[in-house]
Amino acid sequence: HLKRAARISGAVGLAALGVAAAYP
């Protein structure tokens, strides 16, 4: 399960980057 958890974490980071970059 650890590889899957890391993959989800990476995808969440990319999605959060999109939100953060769009906000300003």
PDB file of all heavy atoms in Angstrom:
ATOM      1  N   HIS A   1       0.806  -1.213   0.000  1.00  0.00           N
ATOM      2  CA  HIS A   1       0.000   0.000   0.000  1.00  0.00           C
ATOM      3  C   HIS A   1       0.844   1.270   0.000  1.00  0.00           C
ATOM      4  O   HIS A   1       0.326   2.354  -0.295  1.00  0.00           O
ATOM      5  CB  HIS A   1      -0.928   0.018   1.221  1.00  0.00           C
ATOM      6  CG  HIS A   1      -1.997  -1.027   1.179  1.00  0.00           C
ATOM      7  ND1 HIS A   1      -1.997  -2.108   2.024  1.00  0.00           N
ATOM      8  CD2 HIS A   1      -3.096  -1.151   0.382  1.00  0.00           C
ATOM      9  CE1 HIS A   1      -3.062  -2.864   1.772  1.00  0.00           C
ATOM     10  NE2 HIS A   1      -3.738  -2.306   0.777  1.00  0.00           N
ATOM     11  N   LEU A   2       2.118   1.168   0.345  1.00  0.00           N
ATOM     12  CA  LEU A   2       2.927   2.375   0.513  1.00  0.00           C
ATOM     13  C   LEU A   2       3.217   3.058  -0.814  1.00  0.00           C
ATOM     14  O   LEU A   2       3.236   4.296  -0.896  1.00  0.00           O
ATOM     15  CB  LEU A   2       4.230   2.031   1.237  1.00  0.00           C
ATOM     16  CG  LEU A   2       4.057   1.368   2.615  1.00  0.00           C
ATOM     17  CD1 LEU A   2       5.392   1.297   3.331  1.00  0.00           C
ATOM     18  CD2 LEU A   2       3.033   2.102   3.460  1.00  0.00           C
ATOM     19  N   LYS A   3       3.433   2.275  -1.871  1.00  0.00           N
ATOM     20  CA  LYS A   3       3.664   2.868  -3.190  1.00  0.00           C
ATOM     21  C   LYS A   3       2.417   3.610  -3.655  1.00  0.00           C
ATOM     22  O   LYS A   3       2.505   4.697  -4.235  1.00  0.00           O
ATOM     23  CB  LYS A   3       4.052   1.776  -4.184  1.00  0.00           C
ATOM     24  CG  LYS A   3       4.415   2.308  -5.559  1.00  0.00           C
ATOM     25  CD  LYS A   3       4.883   1.174  -6.466  1.00  0.00           C
ATOM     26  CE  LYS A   3       5.272   1.714  -7.844  1.00  0.00           C
ATOM     27  NZ  LYS A   3       5.743   0.620  -8.741  1.00  0.00           N
ATOM     28  N   ARG A   4       1.260   3.046  -3.400  1.00  0.00           N
ATOM     29  CA  ARG A   4       0.008   3.707  -3.793  1.00  0.00           C
ATOM     30  C   ARG A   4      -0.196   4.996  -2.990  1.00  0.00           C
ATOM     31  O   ARG A   4      -0.637   6.012  -3.544  1.00  0.00           O
ATOM     32  CB  ARG A   4      -1.171   2.753  -3.586  1.00  0.00           C
ATOM     33  CG  ARG A   4      -1.160   1.535  -4.506  1.00  0.00           C
ATOM     34  CD  ARG A   4      -2.282   0.582  -4.140  1.00  0.00           C
ATOM     35  NE  ARG A   4      -3.580   1.240  -4.276  1.00  0.00           N
ATOM     36  CZ  ARG A   4      -4.688   0.807  -3.675  1.00  0.00           C
ATOM     37  NH1 ARG A   4      -4.635  -0.249  -2.860  1.00  0.00           N
ATOM     38  NH2 ARG A   4      -5.826   1.440  -3.866  1.00  0.00           N
ATOM     39  N   ALA A   5       0.118   4.966  -1.709  1.00  0.00           N
ATOM     40  CA  ALA A   5      -0.018   6.165  -0.884  1.00  0.00           C
ATOM     41  C   ALA A   5       0.889   7.272  -1.396  1.00  0.00           C
ATOM     42  O   ALA A   5       0.492   8.445  -1.467  1.00  0.00           O
ATOM     43  CB  ALA A   5       0.294   5.844   0.574  1.00  0.00           C
ATOM     44  N   ALA A   6       2.130   6.919  -1.765  1.00  0.00           N
ATOM     45  CA  ALA A   6       3.059   7.916  -2.294  1.00  0.00           C
ATOM     46  C   ALA A   6       2.559   8.479  -3.613  1.00  0.00           C
ATOM     47  O   ALA A   6       2.705   9.681  -3.888  1.00  0.00           O
ATOM     48  CB  ALA A   6       4.445   7.290  -2.469  1.00  0.00           C
ATOM     49  N   ARG A   7       1.959   7.640  -4.436  1.00  0.00           N
ATOM     50  CA  ARG A   7       1.432   8.114  -5.719  1.00  0.00           C
ATOM     51  C   ARG A   7       0.288   9.099  -5.497  1.00  0.00           C
ATOM     52  O   ARG A   7       0.202  10.125  -6.169  1.00  0.00           O
ATOM     53  CB  ARG A   7       0.968   6.925  -6.555  1.00  0.00           C
ATOM     54  CG  ARG A   7       0.570   7.286  -7.991  1.00  0.00           C
ATOM     55  CD  ARG A   7       0.220   6.036  -8.763  1.00  0.00           C
ATOM     56  NE  ARG A   7       1.340   5.106  -8.787  1.00  0.00           N
ATOM     57  CZ  ARG A   7       1.221   3.817  -9.157  1.00  0.00           C
ATOM     58  NH1 ARG A   7       0.042   3.323  -9.475  1.00  0.00           N
ATOM     59  NH2 ARG A   7       2.277   3.042  -9.167  1.00  0.00           N
ATOM     60  N   ILE A   8      -0.587   8.791  -4.567  1.00  0.00           N
ATOM     61  CA  ILE A   8      -1.679   9.717  -4.248  1.00  0.00           C
ATOM     62  C   ILE A   8      -1.127  11.024  -3.712  1.00  0.00           C
ATOM     63  O   ILE A   8      -1.583  12.110  -4.081  1.00  0.00           O
ATOM     64  CB  ILE A   8      -2.647   9.064  -3.231  1.00  0.00           C
ATOM     65  CG1 ILE A   8      -3.443   7.953  -3.909  1.00  0.00           C
ATOM     66  CG2 ILE A   8      -3.584  10.102  -2.621  1.00  0.00           C
ATOM     67  CD1 ILE A   8      -4.321   7.162  -2.968  1.00  0.00           C
ATOM     68  N   SER A   9      -0.132  10.951  -2.847  1.00  0.00           N
ATOM     69  CA  SER A   9       0.473  12.165  -2.294  1.00  0.00           C
ATOM     70  C   SER A   9       1.033  13.050  -3.397  1.00  0.00           C
ATOM     71  O   SER A   9       0.844  14.276  -3.393  1.00  0.00           O
ATOM     72  CB  SER A   9       1.578  11.788  -1.308  1.00  0.00           C
ATOM     73  OG  SER A   9       2.228  12.933  -0.802  1.00  0.00           O
ATOM     74  N   GLY A  10       1.716  12.456  -4.373  1.00  0.00           N
ATOM     75  CA  GLY A  10       2.256  13.235  -5.470  1.00  0.00           C
ATOM     76  C   GLY A  10       1.173  13.888  -6.310  1.00  0.00           C
ATOM     77  O   GLY A  10       1.307  15.047  -6.728  1.00  0.00           O
ATOM     78  N   ALA A  11       0.085  13.164  -6.568  1.00  0.00           N
ATOM     79  CA  ALA A  11      -1.008  13.721  -7.352  1.00  0.00           C
ATOM     80  C   ALA A  11      -1.711  14.846  -6.596  1.00  0.00           C
ATOM     81  O   ALA A  11      -2.109  15.862  -7.193  1.00  0.00           O
ATOM     82  CB  ALA A  11      -2.006  12.619  -7.713  1.00  0.00           C
ATOM     83  N   VAL A  12      -1.869  14.696  -5.285  1.00  0.00           N
ATOM     84  CA  VAL A  12      -2.468  15.757  -4.469  1.00  0.00           C
ATOM     85  C   VAL A  12      -1.598  17.006  -4.522  1.00  0.00           C
ATOM     86  O   VAL A  12      -2.096  18.135  -4.632  1.00  0.00           O
ATOM     87  CB  VAL A  12      -2.660  15.286  -3.018  1.00  0.00           C
ATOM     88  CG1 VAL A  12      -3.000  16.459  -2.101  1.00  0.00           C
ATOM     89  CG2 VAL A  12      -3.758  14.235  -2.941  1.00  0.00           C
ATOM     90  N   GLY A  13      -0.282  16.838  -4.465  1.00  0.00           N
ATOM     91  CA  GLY A  13       0.619  17.979  -4.539  1.00  0.00           C
ATOM     92  C   GLY A  13       0.476  18.737  -5.845  1.00  0.00           C
ATOM     93  O   GLY A  13       0.447  19.976  -5.855  1.00  0.00           O
ATOM     94  N   LEU A  14       0.391  18.022  -6.952  1.00  0.00           N
ATOM     95  CA  LEU A  14       0.222  18.681  -8.244  1.00  0.00           C
ATOM     96  C   LEU A  14      -1.106  19.441  -8.314  1.00  0.00           C
ATOM     97  O   LEU A  14      -1.167  20.570  -8.835  1.00  0.00           O
ATOM     98  CB  LEU A  14       0.287  17.654  -9.368  1.00  0.00           C
ATOM     99  CG  LEU A  14       1.682  17.206  -9.804  1.00  0.00           C
ATOM    100  CD1 LEU A  14       1.579  16.076 -10.821  1.00  0.00           C
ATOM    101  CD2 LEU A  14       2.459  18.374 -10.397  1.00  0.00           C
ATOM    102  N   ALA A  15      -2.160  18.821  -7.808  1.00  0.00           N
ATOM    103  CA  ALA A  15      -3.465  19.492  -7.814  1.00  0.00           C
ATOM    104  C   ALA A  15      -3.438  20.737  -6.937  1.00  0.00           C
ATOM    105  O   ALA A  15      -3.985  21.788  -7.302  1.00  0.00           O
ATOM    106  CB  ALA A  15      -4.547  18.523  -7.335  1.00  0.00           C
ATOM    107  N   ALA A  16      -2.788  20.643  -5.777  1.00  0.00           N
ATOM    108  CA  ALA A  16      -2.685  21.797  -4.890  1.00  0.00           C
ATOM    109  C   ALA A  16      -1.864  22.905  -5.529  1.00  0.00           C
ATOM    110  O   ALA A  16      -2.149  24.095  -5.353  1.00  0.00           O
ATOM    111  CB  ALA A  16      -2.061  21.387  -3.548  1.00  0.00           C
ATOM    112  N   LEU A  17      -0.837  22.543  -6.289  1.00  0.00           N
ATOM    113  CA  LEU A  17      -0.047  23.538  -6.994  1.00  0.00           C
ATOM    114  C   LEU A  17      -0.912  24.309  -7.981  1.00  0.00           C
ATOM    115  O   LEU A  17      -0.789  25.535  -8.110  1.00  0.00           O
ATOM    116  CB  LEU A  17       1.116  22.871  -7.729  1.00  0.00           C
ATOM    117  CG  LEU A  17       1.962  23.796  -8.599  1.00  0.00           C
ATOM    118  CD1 LEU A  17       2.698  24.822  -7.757  1.00  0.00           C
ATOM    119  CD2 LEU A  17       2.946  22.984  -9.448  1.00  0.00           C
ATOM    120  N   GLY A  18      -1.790  23.594  -8.690  1.00  0.00           N
ATOM    121  CA  GLY A  18      -2.690  24.268  -9.609  1.00  0.00           C
ATOM    122  C   GLY A  18      -3.573  25.280  -8.910  1.00  0.00           C
ATOM    123  O   GLY A  18      -3.756  26.411  -9.388  1.00  0.00           O
ATOM    124  N   VAL A  19      -4.105  24.891  -7.753  1.00  0.00           N
ATOM    125  CA  VAL A  19      -4.941  25.799  -6.974  1.00  0.00           C
ATOM    126  C   VAL A  19      -4.125  27.001  -6.509  1.00  0.00           C
ATOM    127  O   VAL A  19      -4.555  28.163  -6.620  1.00  0.00           O
ATOM    128  CB  VAL A  19      -5.565  25.069  -5.766  1.00  0.00           C
ATOM    129  CG1 VAL A  19      -6.315  26.048  -4.865  1.00  0.00           C
ATOM    130  CG2 VAL A  19      -6.508  23.960  -6.233  1.00  0.00           C
ATOM    131  N   ALA A  20      -2.924  26.736  -5.978  1.00  0.00           N
ATOM    132  CA  ALA A  20      -2.094  27.811  -5.430  1.00  0.00           C
ATOM    133  C   ALA A  20      -1.624  28.772  -6.515  1.00  0.00           C
ATOM    134  O   ALA A  20      -1.598  29.988  -6.315  1.00  0.00           O
ATOM    135  CB  ALA A  20      -0.891  27.217  -4.691  1.00  0.00           C
ATOM    136  N   ALA A  21      -1.230  28.242  -7.678  1.00  0.00           N
ATOM    137  CA  ALA A  21      -0.739  29.108  -8.752  1.00  0.00           C
ATOM    138  C   ALA A  21      -1.863  29.953  -9.337  1.00  0.00           C
ATOM    139  O   ALA A  21      -1.629  31.084  -9.783  1.00  0.00           O
ATOM    140  CB  ALA A  21      -0.092  28.264  -9.846  1.00  0.00           C
ATOM    141  N   ALA A  22      -3.076  29.422  -9.349  1.00  0.00           N
ATOM    142  CA  ALA A  22      -4.204  30.169  -9.900  1.00  0.00           C
ATOM    143  C   ALA A  22      -4.683  31.252  -8.942  1.00  0.00           C
ATOM    144  O   ALA A  22      -5.203  32.282  -9.380  1.00  0.00           O
ATOM    145  CB  ALA A  22      -5.354  29.216 -10.226  1.00  0.00           C
ATOM    146  N   TYR A  23      -4.513  31.037  -7.638  1.00  0.00           N
ATOM    147  CA  TYR A  23      -5.085  31.965  -6.656  1.00  0.00           C
ATOM    148  C   TYR A  23      -4.571  33.400  -6.805  1.00  0.00           C
ATOM    149  O   TYR A  23      -5.376  34.334  -6.831  1.00  0.00           O
ATOM    150  CB  TYR A  23      -4.815  31.456  -5.233  1.00  0.00           C
ATOM    151  CG  TYR A  23      -5.370  32.364  -4.169  1.00  0.00           C
ATOM    152  CD1 TYR A  23      -6.650  32.168  -3.668  1.00  0.00           C
ATOM    153  CD2 TYR A  23      -4.629  33.427  -3.656  1.00  0.00           C
ATOM    154  CE1 TYR A  23      -7.179  33.004  -2.689  1.00  0.00           C
ATOM    155  CE2 TYR A  23      -5.152  34.280  -2.696  1.00  0.00           C
ATOM    156  CZ  TYR A  23      -6.423  34.046  -2.216  1.00  0.00           C
ATOM    157  OH  TYR A  23      -6.948  34.888  -1.264  1.00  0.00           O
ATOM    158  N   PRO A  24      -3.267  33.655  -6.883  1.00  0.00           N
ATOM    159  CA  PRO A  24      -2.810  35.056  -6.929  1.00  0.00           C
ATOM    160  C   PRO A  24      -3.349  35.837  -8.113  1.00  0.00           C
ATOM    161  O   PRO A  24      -3.535  37.054  -8.029  1.00  0.00           O
ATOM    162  CB  PRO A  24      -1.281  34.927  -6.989  1.00  0.00           C
ATOM    163  CG  PRO A  24      -0.981  33.578  -6.435  1.00  0.00           C
ATOM    164  CD  PRO A  24      -2.128  32.718  -6.865  1.00  0.00           C
TER     165      PRO A  24
END
